[in-house]
Protein backbone atom coordinates (compact mmCIF):
# COMPACT_ATOMS: atom_id res chain seq x y z
CA MET A 1 120.22 -50.79 40.29
CA ASN A 2 119.71 -49.30 36.98
CA ALA A 3 117.87 -45.77 36.75
CA PRO A 4 114.19 -45.86 35.49
CA ARG A 5 114.16 -44.47 31.92
CA PHE A 6 111.37 -42.75 30.40
CA GLU A 7 110.52 -41.93 26.79
CA ILE A 8 109.61 -38.47 25.52
CA ALA A 9 108.17 -38.18 21.96
CA VAL A 10 109.69 -34.65 20.93
CA ILE A 11 107.79 -32.70 18.00
CA LYS A 12 109.77 -29.47 17.63
CA GLY A 13 107.60 -28.34 15.00
CA ASP A 14 107.82 -25.08 12.98
CA GLY A 15 109.74 -21.80 13.35
CA ILE A 16 111.01 -20.83 17.01
CA GLY A 17 109.54 -24.17 18.02
CA ILE A 18 112.73 -25.59 17.05
CA ASP A 19 114.79 -22.93 19.20
CA VAL A 20 112.59 -23.10 22.34
CA THR A 21 112.68 -26.72 22.24
CA ASP A 22 116.34 -27.27 21.96
CA ALA A 23 116.50 -24.79 24.75
CA ALA A 24 113.94 -26.66 26.93
CA LEU A 25 115.41 -30.01 26.27
CA ALA A 26 119.13 -28.63 27.41
CA VAL A 27 117.76 -27.48 30.91
CA ILE A 28 115.66 -30.50 31.24
CA ASP A 29 119.28 -32.47 30.93
CA ALA A 30 120.98 -30.17 33.03
CA ALA A 31 118.15 -30.71 35.83
CA ARG A 32 118.52 -34.30 35.34
CA HIS A 33 122.52 -34.41 35.60
CA ARG A 34 122.14 -32.23 38.99
CA VAL A 35 119.65 -34.77 40.47
CA GLY A 36 120.55 -38.03 38.84
CA GLY A 37 118.38 -41.19 39.46
CA PHE A 38 116.48 -41.25 36.10
CA ASP A 39 117.10 -41.14 32.42
CA LEU A 40 115.35 -39.56 29.43
CA ASP A 41 115.21 -41.05 25.89
CA CYS A 42 114.01 -38.17 23.34
CA GLN A 43 112.86 -39.38 19.96
CA ASP A 44 112.52 -36.56 17.45
CA LEU A 45 109.17 -37.01 15.51
CA LEU A 46 108.45 -34.96 12.43
CA ALA A 47 105.29 -32.93 12.25
CA GLY A 48 104.27 -29.53 11.47
CA ALA A 49 103.49 -27.14 8.52
CA GLY A 50 106.97 -27.23 7.19
CA TYR A 51 106.58 -31.03 6.82
CA PHE A 52 103.25 -30.68 5.52
CA GLN A 53 104.64 -28.03 2.63
CA GLU A 54 107.27 -30.79 1.89
CA THR A 55 105.50 -34.01 1.57
CA GLY A 56 101.64 -33.42 1.89
CA ARG A 57 101.18 -34.98 5.71
CA ASP A 58 101.09 -33.16 8.81
CA MET A 59 102.83 -35.80 10.70
CA ALA A 60 105.34 -38.30 9.39
CA PRO A 61 104.46 -41.81 8.98
CA GLY A 62 104.74 -43.72 12.31
CA ALA A 63 104.77 -40.56 14.57
CA GLU A 64 101.28 -40.77 15.98
CA GLU A 65 102.08 -44.64 17.11
CA ALA A 66 105.33 -43.47 18.71
CA ALA A 67 103.75 -40.55 20.45
CA ALA A 68 101.10 -43.12 21.77
CA ALA A 69 103.94 -45.38 23.06
CA ALA A 70 105.85 -42.70 24.84
CA ASP A 71 105.75 -41.69 28.60
CA ALA A 72 105.08 -37.96 27.60
CA ILE A 73 104.98 -35.73 24.45
CA PHE A 74 106.89 -32.75 24.25
CA LEU A 75 106.03 -30.12 21.61
CA GLY A 76 107.49 -26.85 20.28
CA ALA A 77 105.12 -24.99 18.25
CA ILE A 78 103.10 -25.62 14.78
CA GLY A 79 102.25 -23.54 12.06
CA LEU A 80 103.37 -21.18 9.42
CA PRO A 81 101.21 -18.42 7.96
CA ALA A 82 101.57 -19.45 4.37
CA VAL A 83 100.89 -22.91 4.76
CA ARG A 84 97.33 -23.86 5.22
CA HIS A 85 94.85 -26.42 4.16
CA ALA A 86 92.46 -25.66 1.17
CA ASP A 87 89.72 -24.33 3.30
CA GLY A 88 92.03 -21.94 4.84
CA THR A 89 92.69 -23.42 8.18
CA GLU A 90 96.21 -23.84 9.76
CA ILE A 91 97.96 -27.22 9.63
CA SER A 92 97.25 -28.59 13.29
CA PRO A 93 98.22 -32.11 13.93
CA HIS A 94 98.56 -31.16 17.52
CA LEU A 95 94.69 -30.74 17.77
CA ARG A 96 94.28 -34.24 16.22
CA LEU A 97 96.81 -35.58 19.08
CA ARG A 98 94.31 -33.90 21.73
CA GLU A 99 91.58 -35.72 20.08
CA ILE A 100 93.13 -38.96 19.58
CA PHE A 101 94.54 -39.32 23.16
CA GLN A 102 91.66 -37.57 24.72
CA LEU A 103 93.83 -34.89 26.39
CA TYR A 104 91.09 -33.05 27.95
CA ALA A 105 92.78 -30.91 30.49
CA GLY A 106 94.51 -27.88 29.35
CA VAL A 107 96.59 -26.66 32.35
CA ARG A 108 97.76 -22.95 31.75
CA PRO A 109 99.53 -21.69 34.73
CA VAL A 110 99.56 -17.63 35.23
CA LYS A 111 102.35 -16.61 37.61
CA ALA A 112 104.12 -13.37 38.06
CA TYR A 113 107.81 -13.95 38.35
CA PRO A 114 110.50 -11.43 39.97
CA ASN A 115 112.15 -9.17 37.24
CA VAL A 116 109.55 -9.90 34.43
CA PRO A 117 107.83 -6.50 33.22
CA GLN A 118 104.26 -6.38 34.62
CA ARG A 119 101.39 -4.68 32.54
CA LEU A 120 99.59 -3.68 35.36
CA ALA A 121 100.53 -0.71 37.66
CA ASP A 122 99.02 -2.26 41.10
CA PRO A 123 101.55 -3.77 43.14
CA ARG A 124 99.35 -6.70 43.91
CA ALA A 125 100.22 -7.64 40.23
CA ALA A 126 103.30 -9.04 41.68
CA GLU A 127 101.14 -11.82 43.56
CA ILE A 128 99.62 -13.17 40.43
CA ASN A 129 99.34 -16.90 40.74
CA LEU A 130 96.46 -18.66 39.08
CA VAL A 131 95.59 -21.45 36.70
CA ILE A 132 93.48 -21.42 33.66
CA LEU A 133 92.03 -25.02 32.99
CA ARG A 134 90.72 -25.32 29.45
CA GLU A 135 88.96 -28.31 28.40
CA SER A 136 90.83 -29.24 25.38
CA THR A 137 88.87 -31.92 23.01
CA GLU A 138 85.48 -30.57 23.16
CA GLY A 139 83.59 -26.98 23.14
CA LEU A 140 83.80 -24.83 20.12
CA PHE A 141 87.08 -26.66 19.05
CA TYR A 142 85.28 -30.01 18.45
CA SER A 143 84.82 -28.99 14.80
CA ALA A 144 88.35 -27.95 14.46
CA ALA A 145 90.16 -31.15 15.82
CA VAL A 146 88.91 -33.39 12.87
CA HIS A 147 87.76 -31.89 9.66
CA ASP A 148 84.26 -32.48 8.21
CA ARG A 149 82.58 -32.34 11.46
CA SER A 150 80.71 -28.64 10.54
CA PRO A 151 77.00 -29.64 10.21
CA VAL A 152 76.64 -27.00 7.35
CA GLU A 153 79.61 -26.01 5.25
CA ASN A 154 78.89 -24.50 1.82
CA ASP A 155 79.59 -21.09 -0.01
CA ASP A 156 76.63 -19.32 1.81
CA GLU A 157 76.94 -20.40 5.14
CA VAL A 158 79.25 -22.41 7.60
CA GLN A 159 78.30 -23.75 11.08
CA ASP A 160 80.73 -25.16 13.56
CA LEU A 161 79.61 -27.43 16.49
CA LEU A 162 80.19 -26.90 19.94
CA ARG A 163 79.96 -29.90 21.82
CA ILE A 164 79.74 -30.30 25.80
CA THR A 165 79.53 -33.96 27.28
CA ARG A 166 78.81 -35.21 30.69
CA ALA A 167 81.67 -37.67 30.71
CA THR A 168 84.45 -35.28 29.84
CA THR A 169 83.19 -32.30 31.67
CA GLU A 170 82.96 -34.42 35.10
CA LYS A 171 86.56 -35.59 34.50
CA LEU A 172 87.55 -31.65 33.75
CA HIS A 173 85.86 -30.45 36.96
CA ASP A 174 87.19 -33.02 39.06
CA PHE A 175 90.81 -32.39 37.61
CA ALA A 176 89.96 -28.69 38.53
CA PHE A 177 89.01 -29.44 42.24
CA ARG A 178 91.90 -32.04 42.74
CA LEU A 179 94.33 -29.40 41.28
CA ALA A 180 93.00 -26.66 43.85
CA GLN A 181 93.10 -29.03 46.70
CA LYS A 182 96.71 -29.50 45.68
CA ARG A 183 97.39 -25.68 45.43
CA LYS A 184 95.69 -25.20 48.83
CA SER A 185 98.21 -27.66 50.22
CA ARG A 186 100.81 -25.31 49.09
CA GLY A 187 99.21 -22.10 50.63
CA HIS A 188 96.97 -20.96 47.79
CA LYS A 189 93.40 -20.05 48.04
CA GLY A 190 91.83 -23.61 47.13
CA MET A 191 89.08 -22.01 45.00
CA VAL A 192 87.55 -22.99 41.65
CA THR A 193 85.87 -20.48 39.40
CA CYS A 194 83.41 -22.02 36.96
CA VAL A 195 83.75 -19.37 33.86
CA ASP A 196 81.07 -20.02 31.38
CA LYS A 197 78.02 -18.24 29.63
CA ALA A 198 75.19 -20.09 31.27
CA ASN A 199 72.79 -17.39 31.06
CA VAL A 200 72.77 -17.34 27.29
CA PHE A 201 73.58 -20.97 26.05
CA ARG A 202 72.01 -24.52 27.10
CA SER A 203 75.57 -25.96 26.68
CA MET A 204 76.96 -23.71 29.31
CA ALA A 205 74.29 -23.96 31.51
CA PHE A 206 74.83 -28.10 31.28
CA PHE A 207 78.58 -27.12 32.10
CA ARG A 208 77.78 -25.21 35.21
CA LYS A 209 75.40 -27.98 36.26
CA ILE A 210 77.77 -30.49 36.46
CA PHE A 211 80.23 -28.23 38.19
CA ASP A 212 77.90 -28.09 40.79
CA GLU A 213 77.30 -31.64 41.00
CA ARG A 214 81.05 -32.45 41.22
CA ALA A 215 81.69 -29.59 43.62
CA GLY A 216 79.85 -31.60 46.35
CA LYS A 217 82.38 -34.22 46.31
CA PHE A 218 85.42 -31.51 47.18
CA PRO A 219 83.73 -29.75 50.38
CA ASP A 220 87.37 -28.54 51.28
CA VAL A 221 87.25 -26.19 47.70
CA GLU A 222 85.59 -22.88 47.58
CA THR A 223 83.58 -22.32 44.52
CA ALA A 224 82.62 -19.51 42.52
CA TYR A 225 81.02 -18.45 39.14
CA SER A 226 81.75 -15.95 36.33
CA TYR A 227 80.47 -15.26 32.95
CA VAL A 228 83.32 -15.18 30.45
CA ASP A 229 82.88 -11.55 29.54
CA ALA A 230 83.08 -10.42 33.06
CA GLN A 231 86.07 -12.96 33.76
CA ALA A 232 87.84 -10.83 30.96
CA LEU A 233 87.22 -7.64 32.88
CA GLU A 234 88.13 -9.15 36.23
CA LEU A 235 91.41 -10.47 35.00
CA ILE A 236 92.47 -6.90 34.45
CA ARG A 237 91.00 -5.31 37.37
CA ARG A 238 91.88 -8.12 40.08
CA PRO A 239 93.51 -11.27 38.61
CA TRP A 240 95.44 -11.79 42.26
CA ASP A 241 91.97 -12.90 43.64
CA PHE A 242 91.73 -15.80 41.63
CA ASP A 243 93.17 -19.45 41.75
CA VAL A 244 91.87 -22.02 39.32
CA LEU A 245 89.49 -21.14 36.58
CA VAL A 246 87.87 -23.91 34.60
CA MET A 247 86.09 -23.35 31.40
CA GLU A 248 85.14 -24.53 27.62
CA ASN A 249 87.94 -24.76 25.11
CA MET A 250 87.46 -21.40 23.17
CA PHE A 251 87.08 -19.51 26.24
CA GLY A 252 90.26 -20.78 27.71
CA ASP A 253 92.15 -20.27 24.43
CA ILE A 254 91.23 -16.76 24.66
CA LEU A 255 91.58 -16.04 28.42
CA SER A 256 94.69 -17.92 28.78
CA ASP A 257 96.32 -15.44 26.20
CA LEU A 258 94.71 -12.41 28.08
CA ALA A 259 96.33 -13.72 31.53
CA GLY A 260 99.55 -14.44 30.12
CA GLY A 261 99.78 -10.88 28.83
CA LEU A 262 99.63 -9.70 32.48
CA VAL A 263 102.55 -11.68 33.34
CA GLY A 264 105.23 -10.83 30.61
CA GLY A 265 103.68 -12.28 27.69
CA MET A 266 103.34 -15.55 25.96
CA GLY A 267 107.04 -16.14 26.21
CA MET A 268 106.19 -17.05 29.81
CA ALA A 269 103.12 -19.22 29.07
CA ALA A 270 103.52 -22.91 29.69
CA CYS A 271 100.76 -25.50 28.94
CA ALA A 272 100.09 -29.04 29.71
CA GLU A 273 97.59 -31.07 28.04
CA ILE A 274 96.57 -34.12 30.46
CA GLY A 275 94.49 -37.07 29.85
CA THR A 276 93.69 -40.24 31.55
CA ASP A 277 96.68 -42.09 29.86
CA HIS A 278 98.67 -39.25 27.87
CA ALA A 279 100.04 -36.01 28.22
CA LEU A 280 101.53 -33.68 25.93
CA PHE A 281 103.36 -30.44 27.10
CA GLN A 282 104.24 -27.31 25.03
CA PRO A 283 104.74 -23.27 25.19
CA ALA A 284 101.38 -21.99 24.55
CA HIS A 285 102.63 -19.50 21.87
CA GLY A 286 102.95 -19.87 18.28
CA SER A 287 105.82 -20.40 15.86
CA ALA A 288 106.77 -16.84 15.09
CA PRO A 289 108.79 -17.73 11.95
CA ASP A 290 109.94 -14.15 11.43
CA ILE A 291 112.43 -14.58 14.32
CA MET A 292 113.32 -18.12 13.90
CA GLY A 293 117.14 -18.76 14.47
CA GLU A 294 117.73 -15.20 15.30
CA ASP A 295 118.17 -15.84 19.40
CA ARG A 296 115.27 -13.67 20.26
CA ALA A 297 112.56 -16.16 21.34
CA ASN A 298 111.75 -16.30 24.96
CA PRO A 299 112.27 -20.01 25.70
CA LEU A 300 111.05 -19.94 29.38
CA ALA A 301 107.26 -21.17 28.38
CA ALA A 302 109.04 -24.03 26.87
CA ILE A 303 111.34 -24.57 29.94
CA LEU A 304 108.33 -24.06 32.41
CA SER A 305 106.33 -26.65 30.25
CA GLY A 306 109.63 -29.06 30.44
CA ALA A 307 109.18 -28.59 34.37
CA MET A 308 105.43 -29.65 34.14
CA MET A 309 106.31 -32.68 32.29
CA LEU A 310 108.65 -33.72 34.75
CA ASP A 311 106.28 -33.36 37.47
CA TYR A 312 103.66 -35.15 35.82
CA LEU A 313 106.16 -37.99 35.11
CA ALA A 314 106.84 -37.96 38.85
CA ASP A 315 103.30 -38.23 39.69
CA GLN A 316 102.66 -41.01 37.24
CA SER A 317 105.53 -43.08 38.51
CA GLY A 318 105.89 -41.95 42.15
CA HIS A 319 109.58 -41.34 41.43
CA GLN A 320 110.91 -38.48 43.32
CA PRO A 321 113.89 -37.59 41.61
CA LEU A 322 111.55 -36.09 38.75
CA ALA A 323 109.90 -34.07 40.93
CA ASP A 324 113.05 -32.61 42.33
CA ALA A 325 114.56 -32.14 38.79
CA ALA A 326 111.18 -30.25 37.97
């Protein structure tokens, strides 16, 4: 009987994205050989700021279609400081992929590993193990995912649009509660904290309202609330007390970097972007082109993202060897 085969679209991107992707794929392949029982076909797709500089396109022709046909997408890092659009924004095809494939659930694990330097002196910092769940298609990034969504844009004023929809927010909160249930079965708190700014913005009050509505469907999961500014403080004061934190796109972008700094830096920051039918996996760090090819980039964020990819494929297919390899 032939082992099942899974198609992986690989976008190495720019800078150290190439280095860490090569490292992650080597470890994934070693795990596959150790466990056996499945095969991976990795197809390299050209995309990023370097490709844009050469061609004027941020992705190669047919790359989006190939990514859509794959079982999962693995991304290294995208962006070069000197290569930008005429409006000053970075080359960001990965934001468009989130939009096209509706990858609404940005999963950012934050875990303290043994022998990794810790920034907090409190010995409880060794117990940090939480997940920041960042909505990845709407919020304040809604304008950034696709150009020309700013309602006002001229030389005197620019406005960006923050968008919260019921359909996406319901899916996000359900994902958060199911994730907390899964973590609870593994010995974690089983708690979801809604992080927002509901005291100021109607969009955030709407986000919290939907959180309360969906919470009733998961009575075994504890709920909590935190304003985003207070949550930034609490991540420094007592990060070991949190489990799953669910929030809007921009808030998640900021707090996931802060939290990454507590457990060894962005070189430890894995990420999954999951939708209903597609998923993308990537280290959460940037492309750091100044150290590209110098064997100095920490590949663990990419390797851990690869493990998340194997876990996702196991969940989607029900094929246990993938989980064992993860």
